[in-house]
Amino acid sequence: MRRLIIVLALALIAAACAAGGEVGDVPPLPETSPAQLQELIASAERPLVLNVWASWCIPCRSEAPLLRAAQASFESEVRFVGLNVRDGQDSARAFVNEFDLDDFEHLFDPSGAAQGSLGAGGVPLTAFYASGGELVELHFGVIDERTLALNLDEIIRRSG
């Protein structure tokens, strides 16, 4: 019973954070389709990290600072794209603003159809692609620093 109360309290806190956030200068995220997402992946000229997230997702909130730091460190070598799913524009923009993710490229998938084209559901989800769109790893759940570093090394190696 106590565990259920804690989970509910955390969910309410996350919802309050997402609902009341400021969008700042973050422009609307461009909506994408399954075909557009697959074309983006297939035409990748350099390694690609695709992180699927939602503002209401507690684990997504915990991994956002790590992804921001990785993007800052690898921006010249790896393309980072965020795919916001089953969310609202204002909530998504507030999340990007809150976690200072505006250097990322973000796409908006309100129905989850584009995410479905990846063959996997749920958030967070991080896909690692070598250049040319070769899927190297599909990581389900929150990503940690070690897993992120190993997969970044691998997609860079396979793209070199």
C-alpha atoms as a PDB file:
ATOM      1  CA  MET A   1       0.000   0.000   0.000  1.00  0.00           C
ATOM      2  CA  ARG A   2       2.794   2.402   0.899  1.00  0.00           C
ATOM      3  CA  ARG A   3       4.514   1.749  -2.457  1.00  0.00           C
ATOM      4  CA  LEU A   4       1.264   2.580  -4.293  1.00  0.00           C
ATOM      5  CA  ILE A   5       0.945   5.877  -2.411  1.00  0.00           C
ATOM      6  CA  ILE A   6       4.538   6.807  -3.272  1.00  0.00           C
ATOM      7  CA  VAL A   7       4.023   5.966  -6.960  1.00  0.00           C
ATOM      8  CA  LEU A   8       0.819   8.019  -7.071  1.00  0.00           C
ATOM      9  CA  ALA A   9       2.501  10.960  -5.346  1.00  0.00           C
ATOM     10  CA  LEU A  10       5.395  10.895  -7.812  1.00  0.00           C
ATOM     11  CA  ALA A  11       2.979  10.739 -10.740  1.00  0.00           C
ATOM     12  CA  LEU A  12       1.076  13.749  -9.413  1.00  0.00           C
ATOM     13  CA  ILE A  13       4.308  15.714  -8.934  1.00  0.00           C
ATOM     14  CA  ALA A  14       5.448  14.920 -12.472  1.00  0.00           C
ATOM     15  CA  ALA A  15       2.070  15.879 -13.907  1.00  0.00           C
ATOM     16  CA  ALA A  16       2.124  19.159 -12.024  1.00  0.00           C
ATOM     17  CA  CYS A  17       5.627  19.925 -13.280  1.00  0.00           C
ATOM     18  CA  ALA A  18       4.718  19.150 -16.874  1.00  0.00           C
ATOM     19  CA  ALA A  19       1.400  20.964 -16.831  1.00  0.00           C
ATOM     20  CA  GLY A  20       2.630  24.202 -15.315  1.00  0.00           C
ATOM     21  CA  GLY A  21       5.892  24.653 -17.170  1.00  0.00           C
ATOM     22  CA  GLU A  22       6.797  27.644 -19.268  1.00  0.00           C
ATOM     23  CA  VAL A  23       7.425  27.144 -22.968  1.00  0.00           C
ATOM     24  CA  GLY A  24       9.891  30.056 -23.068  1.00  0.00           C
ATOM     25  CA  ASP A  25      11.291  30.682 -26.557  1.00  0.00           C
ATOM     26  CA  VAL A  26      10.832  27.074 -27.668  1.00  0.00           C
ATOM     27  CA  PRO A  27       9.025  27.047 -31.024  1.00  0.00           C
ATOM     28  CA  PRO A  28       6.312  24.475 -31.773  1.00  0.00           C
ATOM     29  CA  LEU A  29       7.767  21.042 -32.452  1.00  0.00           C
ATOM     30  CA  PRO A  30       7.232  19.965 -36.064  1.00  0.00           C
ATOM     31  CA  GLU A  31       4.779  17.093 -36.401  1.00  0.00           C
ATOM     32  CA  THR A  32       6.108  13.960 -38.059  1.00  0.00           C
ATOM     33  CA  SER A  33       4.620  10.875 -39.657  1.00  0.00           C
ATOM     34  CA  PRO A  34       5.861   7.286 -39.775  1.00  0.00           C
ATOM     35  CA  ALA A  35       7.121   7.787 -43.352  1.00  0.00           C
ATOM     36  CA  GLN A  36       8.932  11.032 -42.464  1.00  0.00           C
ATOM     37  CA  LEU A  37      10.595   9.447 -39.430  1.00  0.00           C
ATOM     38  CA  GLN A  38      11.737   6.418 -41.418  1.00  0.00           C
ATOM     39  CA  GLU A  39      13.142   8.721 -44.132  1.00  0.00           C
ATOM     40  CA  LEU A  40      15.041  10.735 -41.516  1.00  0.00           C
ATOM     41  CA  ILE A  41      16.601   7.525 -40.167  1.00  0.00           C
ATOM     42  CA  ALA A  42      17.415   6.039 -43.581  1.00  0.00           C
ATOM     43  CA  SER A  43      19.023   9.248 -44.835  1.00  0.00           C
ATOM     44  CA  ALA A  44      21.220   9.786 -41.762  1.00  0.00           C
ATOM     45  CA  GLU A  45      24.640  10.896 -42.989  1.00  0.00           C
ATOM     46  CA  ARG A  46      26.156  10.482 -39.534  1.00  0.00           C
ATOM     47  CA  PRO A  47      25.325   8.371 -36.477  1.00  0.00           C
ATOM     48  CA  LEU A  48      21.905   9.094 -34.996  1.00  0.00           C
ATOM     49  CA  VAL A  49      20.508   8.836 -31.479  1.00  0.00           C
ATOM     50  CA  LEU A  50      16.704   8.884 -31.451  1.00  0.00           C
ATOM     51  CA  ASN A  51      15.221   9.362 -27.991  1.00  0.00           C
ATOM     52  CA  VAL A  52      11.475   8.796 -27.645  1.00  0.00           C
ATOM     53  CA  TRP A  53      10.043  10.767 -24.723  1.00  0.00           C
ATOM     54  CA  ALA A  54       6.969  12.418 -23.230  1.00  0.00           C
ATOM     55  CA  SER A  55       6.642  15.265 -20.749  1.00  0.00           C
ATOM     56  CA  TRP A  56       4.486  13.115 -18.443  1.00  0.00           C
ATOM     57  CA  CYS A  57       7.115  10.337 -18.308  1.00  0.00           C
ATOM     58  CA  ILE A  58       9.036  10.363 -15.004  1.00  0.00           C
ATOM     59  CA  PRO A  59      11.987   8.283 -16.308  1.00  0.00           C
ATOM     60  CA  CYS A  60      12.215  10.638 -19.320  1.00  0.00           C
ATOM     61  CA  ARG A  61      12.665  13.514 -16.910  1.00  0.00           C
ATOM     62  CA  SER A  62      15.513  11.720 -15.136  1.00  0.00           C
ATOM     63  CA  GLU A  63      17.442  10.934 -18.330  1.00  0.00           C
ATOM     64  CA  ALA A  64      17.022  14.347 -19.994  1.00  0.00           C
ATOM     65  CA  PRO A  65      20.103  15.972 -18.373  1.00  0.00           C
ATOM     66  CA  LEU A  66      22.298  13.016 -19.404  1.00  0.00           C
ATOM     67  CA  LEU A  67      21.103  13.211 -23.006  1.00  0.00           C
ATOM     68  CA  ARG A  68      21.649  16.983 -23.041  1.00  0.00           C
ATOM     69  CA  ALA A  69      25.253  16.509 -21.857  1.00  0.00           C
ATOM     70  CA  ALA A  70      25.897  13.770 -24.435  1.00  0.00           C
ATOM     71  CA  GLN A  71      24.517  15.951 -27.216  1.00  0.00           C
ATOM     72  CA  ALA A  72      26.790  18.818 -26.156  1.00  0.00           C
ATOM     73  CA  SER A  73      29.817  16.497 -26.126  1.00  0.00           C
ATOM     74  CA  PHE A  74      29.099  14.677 -29.403  1.00  0.00           C
ATOM     75  CA  GLU A  75      27.245  17.316 -31.445  1.00  0.00           C
ATOM     76  CA  SER A  76      29.861  17.352 -34.226  1.00  0.00           C
ATOM     77  CA  GLU A  77      29.862  13.545 -34.550  1.00  0.00           C
ATOM     78  CA  VAL A  78      26.335  12.379 -33.744  1.00  0.00           C
ATOM     79  CA  ARG A  79      22.891  13.716 -34.601  1.00  0.00           C
ATOM     80  CA  PHE A  80      20.507  13.722 -31.629  1.00  0.00           C
ATOM     81  CA  VAL A  81      16.757  13.713 -32.293  1.00  0.00           C
ATOM     82  CA  GLY A  82      13.986  13.684 -29.713  1.00  0.00           C
ATOM     83  CA  LEU A  83      10.611  12.211 -30.629  1.00  0.00           C
ATOM     84  CA  ASN A  84       7.857  13.481 -28.342  1.00  0.00           C
ATOM     85  CA  VAL A  85       4.910  11.061 -28.283  1.00  0.00           C
ATOM     86  CA  ARG A  86       1.301  11.092 -27.067  1.00  0.00           C
ATOM     87  CA  ASP A  87       1.660  14.565 -25.601  1.00  0.00           C
ATOM     88  CA  GLY A  88       0.478  18.132 -26.099  1.00  0.00           C
ATOM     89  CA  GLN A  89       2.536  20.838 -27.801  1.00  0.00           C
ATOM     90  CA  ASP A  90       2.651  23.136 -24.775  1.00  0.00           C
ATOM     91  CA  SER A  91       3.677  20.314 -22.425  1.00  0.00           C
ATOM     92  CA  ALA A  92       6.350  19.140 -24.871  1.00  0.00           C
ATOM     93  CA  ARG A  93       7.699  22.668 -25.346  1.00  0.00           C
ATOM     94  CA  ALA A  94       7.747  23.246 -21.569  1.00  0.00           C
ATOM     95  CA  PHE A  95       9.754  20.019 -21.134  1.00  0.00           C
ATOM     96  CA  VAL A  96      12.288  21.140 -23.775  1.00  0.00           C
ATOM     97  CA  ASN A  97      12.544  24.522 -22.035  1.00  0.00           C
ATOM     98  CA  GLU A  98      12.815  23.068 -18.507  1.00  0.00           C
ATOM     99  CA  PHE A  99      15.656  20.706 -19.423  1.00  0.00           C
ATOM    100  CA  ASP A 100      17.394  23.110 -21.824  1.00  0.00           C
ATOM    101  CA  LEU A 101      17.041  20.675 -24.725  1.00  0.00           C
ATOM    102  CA  ASP A 102      16.628  23.293 -27.434  1.00  0.00           C
ATOM    103  CA  ASP A 103      19.937  22.261 -29.091  1.00  0.00           C
ATOM    104  CA  PHE A 104      18.301  18.916 -29.861  1.00  0.00           C
ATOM    105  CA  GLU A 105      16.201  18.439 -32.953  1.00  0.00           C
ATOM    106  CA  HIS A 106      12.707  17.497 -31.766  1.00  0.00           C
ATOM    107  CA  LEU A 107       9.754  16.007 -33.596  1.00  0.00           C
ATOM    108  CA  PHE A 108       6.142  15.805 -32.434  1.00  0.00           C
ATOM    109  CA  ASP A 109       4.141  12.560 -32.687  1.00  0.00           C
ATOM    110  CA  PRO A 110       0.857  13.181 -30.847  1.00  0.00           C
ATOM    111  CA  SER A 111      -0.744   9.888 -31.899  1.00  0.00           C
ATOM    112  CA  GLY A 112       2.316   7.667 -31.412  1.00  0.00           C
ATOM    113  CA  ALA A 113       2.088   6.441 -35.030  1.00  0.00           C
ATOM    114  CA  ALA A 114       5.659   7.471 -35.894  1.00  0.00           C
ATOM    115  CA  GLN A 115       6.937   5.711 -32.787  1.00  0.00           C
ATOM    116  CA  GLY A 116       4.978   2.633 -33.857  1.00  0.00           C
ATOM    117  CA  SER A 117       6.990   2.559 -37.088  1.00  0.00           C
ATOM    118  CA  LEU A 118      10.052   1.788 -34.956  1.00  0.00           C
ATOM    119  CA  GLY A 119       8.466  -1.518 -33.995  1.00  0.00           C
ATOM    120  CA  ALA A 120       8.481  -0.652 -30.315  1.00  0.00           C
ATOM    121  CA  GLY A 121       6.334   1.260 -27.879  1.00  0.00           C
ATOM    122  CA  GLY A 122       6.648   2.844 -24.494  1.00  0.00           C
ATOM    123  CA  VAL A 123       8.788   5.651 -23.167  1.00  0.00           C
ATOM    124  CA  PRO A 124      11.555   6.272 -22.708  1.00  0.00           C
ATOM    125  CA  LEU A 125      13.040   4.468 -25.664  1.00  0.00           C
ATOM    126  CA  THR A 126      16.423   5.239 -27.205  1.00  0.00           C
ATOM    127  CA  ALA A 127      17.458   3.954 -30.622  1.00  0.00           C
ATOM    128  CA  PHE A 128      21.061   4.082 -31.823  1.00  0.00           C
ATOM    129  CA  TYR A 129      21.695   4.115 -35.571  1.00  0.00           C
ATOM    130  CA  ALA A 130      24.923   4.043 -37.559  1.00  0.00           C
ATOM    131  CA  SER A 131      25.009   6.402 -40.526  1.00  0.00           C
ATOM    132  CA  GLY A 132      22.759   5.168 -43.295  1.00  0.00           C
ATOM    133  CA  GLY A 133      20.086   4.080 -40.826  1.00  0.00           C
ATOM    134  CA  GLU A 134      21.529   0.756 -39.599  1.00  0.00           C
ATOM    135  CA  LEU A 135      19.879   0.021 -36.231  1.00  0.00           C
ATOM    136  CA  VAL A 136      22.623  -0.867 -33.761  1.00  0.00           C
ATOM    137  CA  GLU A 137      20.725  -0.906 -30.469  1.00  0.00           C
ATOM    138  CA  LEU A 138      17.193  -0.315 -29.193  1.00  0.00           C
ATOM    139  CA  HIS A 139      17.272   0.515 -25.484  1.00  0.00           C
ATOM    140  CA  PHE A 140      14.009   0.241 -23.558  1.00  0.00           C
ATOM    141  CA  GLY A 141      13.577   2.299 -20.389  1.00  0.00           C
ATOM    142  CA  VAL A 142      15.683   4.976 -18.778  1.00  0.00           C
ATOM    143  CA  ILE A 143      19.233   5.067 -20.093  1.00  0.00           C
ATOM    144  CA  ASP A 144      22.267   5.294 -17.840  1.00  0.00           C
ATOM    145  CA  GLU A 145      25.631   6.906 -18.542  1.00  0.00           C
ATOM    146  CA  ARG A 146      27.473   3.636 -19.224  1.00  0.00           C
ATOM    147  CA  THR A 147      24.893   2.326 -21.687  1.00  0.00           C
ATOM    148  CA  LEU A 148      24.761   5.646 -23.477  1.00  0.00           C
ATOM    149  CA  ALA A 149      28.569   5.862 -23.748  1.00  0.00           C
ATOM    150  CA  LEU A 150      28.936   2.282 -25.023  1.00  0.00           C
ATOM    151  CA  ASN A 151      26.272   2.763 -27.683  1.00  0.00           C
ATOM    152  CA  LEU A 152      27.652   6.134 -28.776  1.00  0.00           C
ATOM    153  CA  ASP A 153      31.082   4.532 -29.222  1.00  0.00           C
ATOM    154  CA  GLU A 154      29.554   1.689 -31.228  1.00  0.00           C
ATOM    155  CA  ILE A 155      27.559   3.832 -33.654  1.00  0.00           C
ATOM    156  CA  ILE A 156      30.561   6.102 -34.217  1.00  0.00           C
ATOM    157  CA  ARG A 157      32.797   3.071 -34.808  1.00  0.00           C
ATOM    158  CA  ARG A 158      30.349   1.507 -37.280  1.00  0.00           C
ATOM    159  CA  SER A 159      29.972   4.798 -39.136  1.00  0.00           C
ATOM    160  CA  GLY A 160      33.708   5.442 -39.491  1.00  0.00           C
END
